[in-house]
C-alpha atoms as a PDB file:
ATOM      1  CA  MET A   1     -33.863  -7.359  16.888  1.00  0.00           C
ATOM      2  CA  GLY A   2     -31.168  -9.572  19.052  1.00  0.00           C
ATOM      3  CA  VAL A   3     -30.248 -10.065  22.635  1.00  0.00           C
ATOM      4  CA  ILE A   4     -28.108  -7.480  24.552  1.00  0.00           C
ATOM      5  CA  GLY A   5     -25.447  -9.377  27.006  1.00  0.00           C
ATOM      6  CA  GLU A   6     -25.595  -7.008  29.946  1.00  0.00           C
ATOM      7  CA  THR A   7     -28.815  -4.707  29.192  1.00  0.00           C
ATOM      8  CA  VAL A   8     -27.586  -1.102  29.112  1.00  0.00           C
ATOM      9  CA  ALA A   9     -29.852  -0.545  31.553  1.00  0.00           C
ATOM     10  CA  ASN A  10     -27.999  -2.520  33.585  1.00  0.00           C
ATOM     11  CA  ALA A  11     -24.719  -1.679  32.322  1.00  0.00           C
ATOM     12  CA  ALA A  12     -25.411   2.653  33.006  1.00  0.00           C
ATOM     13  CA  ASP A  13     -26.717   1.990  36.553  1.00  0.00           C
ATOM     14  CA  LYS A  14     -23.854  -0.208  37.393  1.00  0.00           C
ATOM     15  CA  GLY A  15     -21.108   2.037  36.106  1.00  0.00           C
ATOM     16  CA  ALA A  16     -22.571   5.412  36.869  1.00  0.00           C
ATOM     17  CA  ARG A  17     -20.651   6.393  39.813  1.00  0.00           C
ATOM     18  CA  ASN A  18     -17.501   6.339  37.801  1.00  0.00           C
ATOM     19  CA  MET A  19     -19.010   7.601  34.263  1.00  0.00           C
ATOM     20  CA  SER A  20     -18.708  10.730  32.293  1.00  0.00           C
ATOM     21  CA  ARG A  21     -21.556  11.684  29.715  1.00  0.00           C
ATOM     22  CA  LEU A  22     -20.436   9.426  27.029  1.00  0.00           C
ATOM     23  CA  GLY A  23     -19.588   6.351  29.107  1.00  0.00           C
ATOM     24  CA  THR A  24     -17.464   4.417  31.648  1.00  0.00           C
ATOM     25  CA  TRP A  25     -14.492   4.711  28.796  1.00  0.00           C
ATOM     26  CA  GLU A  26     -12.694   7.730  28.682  1.00  0.00           C
ATOM     27  CA  PRO A  27      -9.200   8.682  26.273  1.00  0.00           C
ATOM     28  CA  ALA A  28      -6.347   9.215  28.129  1.00  0.00           C
ATOM     29  CA  GLY A  29      -6.064  13.265  29.242  1.00  0.00           C
ATOM     30  CA  SER A  30      -3.824  13.761  26.688  1.00  0.00           C
ATOM     31  CA  ASP A  31      -4.345  12.142  24.214  1.00  0.00           C
ATOM     32  CA  LEU A  32      -5.994  14.434  21.603  1.00  0.00           C
ATOM     33  CA  GLU A  33      -6.098  12.064  18.516  1.00  0.00           C
ATOM     34  CA  ALA A  34      -7.998   9.738  20.212  1.00  0.00           C
ATOM     35  CA  ARG A  35     -10.023  11.978  21.636  1.00  0.00           C
ATOM     36  CA  LEU A  36     -11.371  13.448  18.345  1.00  0.00           C
ATOM     37  CA  ASP A  37     -11.692  10.049  17.452  1.00  0.00           C
ATOM     38  CA  ARG A  38     -14.231   9.223  20.008  1.00  0.00           C
ATOM     39  CA  MET A  39     -16.337  13.032  18.890  1.00  0.00           C
ATOM     40  CA  GLU A  40     -15.754  11.176  15.291  1.00  0.00           C
ATOM     41  CA  SER A  41     -17.351   7.943  16.549  1.00  0.00           C
ATOM     42  CA  LEU A  42     -20.252   9.272  18.281  1.00  0.00           C
ATOM     43  CA  ALA A  43     -21.557  11.297  15.373  1.00  0.00           C
ATOM     44  CA  ASP A  44     -21.286   7.676  13.555  1.00  0.00           C
ATOM     45  CA  ILE A  45     -22.817   5.984  15.946  1.00  0.00           C
ATOM     46  CA  ARG A  46     -25.286   8.492  16.090  1.00  0.00           C
ATOM     47  CA  GLN A  47     -26.485   8.154  12.571  1.00  0.00           C
ATOM     48  CA  LEU A  48     -26.854   4.951  12.766  1.00  0.00           C
ATOM     49  CA  PRO A  49     -30.429   4.585  13.737  1.00  0.00           C
ATOM     50  CA  TYR A  50     -31.680   7.305  11.603  1.00  0.00           C
ATOM     51  CA  ARG A  51     -30.389   5.235   8.397  1.00  0.00           C
ATOM     52  CA  TYR A  52     -31.981   2.315  10.455  1.00  0.00           C
ATOM     53  CA  ALA A  53     -35.256   4.444   9.974  1.00  0.00           C
ATOM     54  CA  LEU A  54     -34.562   5.169   6.485  1.00  0.00           C
ATOM     55  CA  ALA A  55     -33.807   1.998   5.443  1.00  0.00           C
ATOM     56  CA  LEU A  56     -37.161   0.090   6.846  1.00  0.00           C
ATOM     57  CA  ASP A  57     -39.616   2.657   6.230  1.00  0.00           C
ATOM     58  CA  SER A  58     -38.244   2.733   2.471  1.00  0.00           C
ATOM     59  CA  ARG A  59     -38.167  -0.984   2.366  1.00  0.00           C
ATOM     60  CA  ASP A  60     -34.123  -0.948   1.445  1.00  0.00           C
ATOM     61  CA  MET A  61     -33.271  -4.415   2.460  1.00  0.00           C
ATOM     62  CA  ASP A  62     -29.581  -3.846   1.483  1.00  0.00           C
ATOM     63  CA  ALA A  63     -28.933  -0.282   3.026  1.00  0.00           C
ATOM     64  CA  LEU A  64     -31.172  -2.068   6.129  1.00  0.00           C
ATOM     65  CA  VAL A  65     -28.566  -5.577   6.767  1.00  0.00           C
ATOM     66  CA  ALA A  66     -25.526  -2.965   5.902  1.00  0.00           C
ATOM     67  CA  LEU A  67     -25.888  -1.061   9.140  1.00  0.00           C
ATOM     68  CA  PHE A  68     -25.233  -4.575  10.922  1.00  0.00           C
ATOM     69  CA  VAL A  69     -21.641  -6.063  11.826  1.00  0.00           C
ATOM     70  CA  PRO A  70     -21.651  -8.908   8.953  1.00  0.00           C
ATOM     71  CA  ASP A  71     -21.389 -11.782  11.310  1.00  0.00           C
ATOM     72  CA  VAL A  72     -24.698 -10.474  12.860  1.00  0.00           C
ATOM     73  CA  GLN A  73     -26.056 -13.048  15.087  1.00  0.00           C
ATOM     74  CA  VAL A  74     -30.014 -13.879  13.901  1.00  0.00           C
ATOM     75  CA  GLY A  75     -31.856 -16.041  15.929  1.00  0.00           C
ATOM     76  CA  ARG A  76     -30.794 -18.463  18.192  1.00  0.00           C
ATOM     77  CA  GLU A  77     -29.208 -20.699  14.933  1.00  0.00           C
ATOM     78  CA  GLN A  78     -28.459 -18.158  11.713  1.00  0.00           C
ATOM     79  CA  ARG A  79     -25.735 -15.490  11.514  1.00  0.00           C
ATOM     80  CA  GLY A  80     -24.665 -12.723   8.565  1.00  0.00           C
ATOM     81  CA  ARG A  81     -26.084 -10.113   6.647  1.00  0.00           C
ATOM     82  CA  ASP A  82     -27.902 -12.688   4.163  1.00  0.00           C
ATOM     83  CA  ALA A  83     -30.347 -14.131   6.952  1.00  0.00           C
ATOM     84  CA  LEU A  84     -30.854 -10.825   8.655  1.00  0.00           C
ATOM     85  CA  ARG A  85     -32.413  -9.833   5.366  1.00  0.00           C
ATOM     86  CA  GLU A  86     -34.466 -12.781   4.767  1.00  0.00           C
ATOM     87  CA  TRP A  87     -35.685 -11.781   8.034  1.00  0.00           C
ATOM     88  CA  PHE A  88     -36.816  -8.632   7.948  1.00  0.00           C
ATOM     89  CA  THR A  89     -38.027  -9.059   4.621  1.00  0.00           C
ATOM     90  CA  ALA A  90     -40.169 -11.793   6.074  1.00  0.00           C
ATOM     91  CA  THR A  91     -41.122  -9.622   9.096  1.00  0.00           C
ATOM     92  CA  MET A  92     -41.845  -6.494   7.161  1.00  0.00           C
ATOM     93  CA  ARG A  93     -43.777  -8.412   4.279  1.00  0.00           C
ATOM     94  CA  ARG A  94     -46.941  -8.422   7.143  1.00  0.00           C
ATOM     95  CA  TYR A  95     -47.286  -4.989   7.458  1.00  0.00           C
ATOM     96  CA  GLY A  96     -47.514  -2.012   4.575  1.00  0.00           C
ATOM     97  CA  ALA A  97     -46.351   1.603   5.644  1.00  0.00           C
ATOM     98  CA  SER A  98     -44.151   2.497   8.383  1.00  0.00           C
ATOM     99  CA  ILE A  99     -42.813   5.644  10.174  1.00  0.00           C
ATOM    100  CA  HIS A 100     -40.006   5.436  12.389  1.00  0.00           C
ATOM    101  CA  PHE A 101     -39.303   8.877  14.328  1.00  0.00           C
ATOM    102  CA  ILE A 102     -36.276   8.991  15.808  1.00  0.00           C
ATOM    103  CA  GLY A 103     -36.067  10.643  19.432  1.00  0.00           C
ATOM    104  CA  ASN A 104     -33.120  10.822  22.379  1.00  0.00           C
ATOM    105  CA  HIS A 105     -30.435   8.738  21.551  1.00  0.00           C
ATOM    106  CA  VAL A 106     -28.197   7.955  24.687  1.00  0.00           C
ATOM    107  CA  VAL A 107     -24.686   6.649  23.974  1.00  0.00           C
ATOM    108  CA  ASP A 108     -22.023   4.629  26.139  1.00  0.00           C
ATOM    109  CA  PHE A 109     -18.432   4.062  25.209  1.00  0.00           C
ATOM    110  CA  ASP A 110     -17.223   1.156  26.822  1.00  0.00           C
ATOM    111  CA  ASP A 111     -13.396   1.441  24.914  1.00  0.00           C
ATOM    112  CA  ALA A 112     -12.326   3.047  21.606  1.00  0.00           C
ATOM    113  CA  ASP A 113     -14.576   0.165  19.488  1.00  0.00           C
ATOM    114  CA  HIS A 114     -17.135  -1.058  21.771  1.00  0.00           C
ATOM    115  CA  ALA A 115     -20.456   0.896  22.449  1.00  0.00           C
ATOM    116  CA  HIS A 116     -24.109   0.602  24.169  1.00  0.00           C
ATOM    117  CA  GLY A 117     -26.566   3.337  23.544  1.00  0.00           C
ATOM    118  CA  ILE A 118     -30.461   3.544  24.338  1.00  0.00           C
ATOM    119  CA  VAL A 119     -32.915   4.775  21.107  1.00  0.00           C
ATOM    120  CA  TYR A 120     -36.253   6.268  21.946  1.00  0.00           C
ATOM    121  CA  CYS A 121     -38.593   6.158  18.480  1.00  0.00           C
ATOM    122  CA  ARG A 122     -42.265   7.045  17.902  1.00  0.00           C
ATOM    123  CA  ASP A 123     -43.874   4.381  14.948  1.00  0.00           C
ATOM    124  CA  GLU A 124     -46.495   4.424  12.713  1.00  0.00           C
ATOM    125  CA  LEU A 125     -47.129   1.299  11.580  1.00  0.00           C
ATOM    126  CA  GLU A 126     -49.924  -0.202   8.751  1.00  0.00           C
ATOM    127  CA  ARG A 127     -51.411  -3.329   9.746  1.00  0.00           C
ATOM    128  CA  PRO A 128     -53.279  -4.594   6.459  1.00  0.00           C
ATOM    129  CA  GLY A 129     -54.572  -7.919   8.280  1.00  0.00           C
ATOM    130  CA  LEU A 130     -56.094  -5.779  10.888  1.00  0.00           C
ATOM    131  CA  GLY A 131     -57.289  -2.655   9.143  1.00  0.00           C
ATOM    132  CA  ARG A 132     -55.475  -0.403  11.690  1.00  0.00           C
ATOM    133  CA  TRP A 133     -52.795   2.195  11.291  1.00  0.00           C
ATOM    134  CA  ASP A 134     -51.123   1.997  14.875  1.00  0.00           C
ATOM    135  CA  VAL A 135     -48.715   4.520  16.336  1.00  0.00           C
ATOM    136  CA  GLY A 136     -46.716   3.288  19.551  1.00  0.00           C
ATOM    137  CA  THR A 137     -43.794   3.966  21.245  1.00  0.00           C
ATOM    138  CA  ILE A 138     -40.424   1.839  20.803  1.00  0.00           C
ATOM    139  CA  GLN A 139     -36.856   2.032  22.873  1.00  0.00           C
ATOM    140  CA  TYR A 140     -33.945  -0.112  20.976  1.00  0.00           C
ATOM    141  CA  TRP A 141     -31.164  -1.434  23.525  1.00  0.00           C
ATOM    142  CA  ASP A 142     -28.331  -1.795  21.448  1.00  0.00           C
ATOM    143  CA  THR A 143     -24.626  -2.351  20.858  1.00  0.00           C
ATOM    144  CA  TYR A 144     -22.753  -0.963  18.517  1.00  0.00           C
ATOM    145  CA  THR A 145     -19.129  -2.074  17.377  1.00  0.00           C
ATOM    146  CA  ARG A 146     -16.148  -1.182  14.986  1.00  0.00           C
ATOM    147  CA  VAL A 147     -15.543  -3.287  12.211  1.00  0.00           C
ATOM    148  CA  ASP A 148     -13.154  -2.345   9.470  1.00  0.00           C
ATOM    149  CA  GLY A 149     -12.857   1.214  10.576  1.00  0.00           C
ATOM    150  CA  GLU A 150     -17.007   1.849  10.129  1.00  0.00           C
ATOM    151  CA  TRP A 151     -19.433   1.417  12.982  1.00  0.00           C
ATOM    152  CA  CYS A 152     -21.969  -1.149  12.870  1.00  0.00           C
ATOM    153  CA  PHE A 153     -25.283  -2.494  15.143  1.00  0.00           C
ATOM    154  CA  ALA A 154     -23.455  -5.426  16.378  1.00  0.00           C
ATOM    155  CA  ARG A 155     -26.878  -5.516  18.398  1.00  0.00           C
ATOM    156  CA  ARG A 156     -30.123  -4.415  18.268  1.00  0.00           C
ATOM    157  CA  ARG A 157     -33.196  -5.549  20.961  1.00  0.00           C
ATOM    158  CA  PHE A 158     -36.845  -3.220  20.955  1.00  0.00           C
ATOM    159  CA  LEU A 159     -38.657  -2.763  24.294  1.00  0.00           C
ATOM    160  CA  ARG A 160     -41.801  -1.171  23.408  1.00  0.00           C
ATOM    161  CA  TRP A 161     -44.326   0.830  25.763  1.00  0.00           C
ATOM    162  CA  TYR A 162     -47.856   0.421  23.576  1.00  0.00           C
ATOM    163  CA  LEU A 163     -48.772   0.042  20.540  1.00  0.00           C
ATOM    164  CA  VAL A 164     -52.310   1.017  19.404  1.00  0.00           C
ATOM    165  CA  ASP A 165     -54.875   2.006  16.390  1.00  0.00           C
ATOM    166  CA  ALA A 166     -54.128   5.676  15.775  1.00  0.00           C
ATOM    167  CA  LEU A 167     -58.108   6.334  16.919  1.00  0.00           C
ATOM    168  CA  SER A 168     -57.793   4.619  20.389  1.00  0.00           C
ATOM    169  CA  ARG A 169     -56.168   6.313  23.408  1.00  0.00           C
ATOM    170  CA  PRO A 170     -52.599   5.287  24.523  1.00  0.00           C
ATOM    171  CA  ARG A 171     -52.366   2.849  28.066  1.00  0.00           C
ATOM    172  CA  HIS A 172     -49.959   1.442  29.844  1.00  0.00           C
ATOM    173  CA  GLY A 173     -48.989  -2.150  28.043  1.00  0.00           C
ATOM    174  CA  ALA A 174     -51.380  -1.520  24.919  1.00  0.00           C
ATOM    175  CA  GLY A 175     -50.466  -3.994  21.738  1.00  0.00           C
ATOM    176  CA  VAL A 176     -47.499  -5.193  23.049  1.00  0.00           C
ATOM    177  CA  ASN A 177     -47.284  -9.438  22.266  1.00  0.00           C
ATOM    178  CA  GLU A 178     -51.628  -9.030  21.791  1.00  0.00           C
ATOM    179  CA  ASP A 179     -51.687  -9.972  18.276  1.00  0.00           C
ATOM    180  CA  ASP A 180     -50.402 -12.380  15.950  1.00  0.00           C
ATOM    181  CA  ASP A 181     -48.490 -10.336  13.628  1.00  0.00           C
ATOM    182  CA  ALA A 182     -47.007  -8.704  16.150  1.00  0.00           C
ATOM    183  CA  LEU A 183     -43.066  -9.056  17.129  1.00  0.00           C
ATOM    184  CA  SER A 184     -42.674 -10.224  20.534  1.00  0.00           C
ATOM    185  CA  THR A 185     -40.554  -8.257  22.830  1.00  0.00           C
ATOM    186  CA  GLN A 186     -40.346  -6.546  26.398  1.00  0.00           C
ATOM    187  CA  GLN A 187     -42.469  -4.020  28.390  1.00  0.00           C
ATOM    188  CA  LEU A 188     -41.631  -1.024  29.129  1.00  0.00           C
ATOM    189  CA  PRO A 189     -41.030   0.974  31.967  1.00  0.00           C
ATOM    190  CA  GLU A 190     -41.150  -2.579  33.611  1.00  0.00           C
ATOM    191  CA  ALA A 191     -37.684  -3.829  31.740  1.00  0.00           C
ATOM    192  CA  PHE A 192     -35.930  -1.587  33.773  1.00  0.00           C
ATOM    193  CA  ASP A 193     -34.407  -2.181  36.920  1.00  0.00           C
ATOM    194  CA  THR A 194     -33.548   0.984  38.222  1.00  0.00           C
ATOM    195  CA  TRP A 195     -38.063   1.044  37.645  1.00  0.00           C
ATOM    196  CA  HIS A 196     -38.266  -1.525  40.023  1.00  0.00           C
ATOM    197  CA  ARG A 197     -36.041  -0.268  42.579  1.00  0.00           C
ATOM    198  CA  PHE A 198     -37.740   3.280  43.037  1.00  0.00           C
ATOM    199  CA  TRP A 199     -41.422   1.946  43.129  1.00  0.00           C
ATOM    200  CA  GLU A 200     -39.657  -0.901  46.257  1.00  0.00           C
ATOM    201  CA  ALA A 201     -38.146   2.236  48.101  1.00  0.00           C
ATOM    202  CA  ALA A 202     -41.318   4.391  47.468  1.00  0.00           C
ATOM    203  CA  ARG A 203     -44.017   1.968  49.127  1.00  0.00           C
ATOM    204  CA  SER A 204     -41.481   0.979  52.274  1.00  0.00           C
END
């Protein structure tokens, strides 16, 4: 959902030499209030993917869109939570039950009110049109913004390793952009610049 202007992977690589475990931005060492605010912000941001999964799987569209900034970009031409609600409703109408189990969540702060992150997710999806119950693995590449004191998703983009029938063995790229009802996405791990550099060096 949405496109990150500078990918999380590229941003992390770009600032790797100067970043702490919470990103390239740090409050001044003597500013205790700012440092505590960053810890509270981290806790708030980490709630977003959990609440996204719960709202999506329970089809609580009002709770789902409230996690995004009010002027969220939806596709190329629309903005706002109403447009986002319409998009999610039309998309999830294709499927039956869904389960999104949130795993690793890395957060990097850009400043006091902006951050980006990567979220791992194991998902299950009932696909009545295909007569299947699928399982897969996802990463979300997120950007976060604090609006009126509340952290929200500014943009959220998902990438996928695979999506296969629960009775099938996973394989690289299986189910990614293959079926008519599948959301288009990028393939992991190829989406990482570091993946390509690793193999180029390993083969040289």
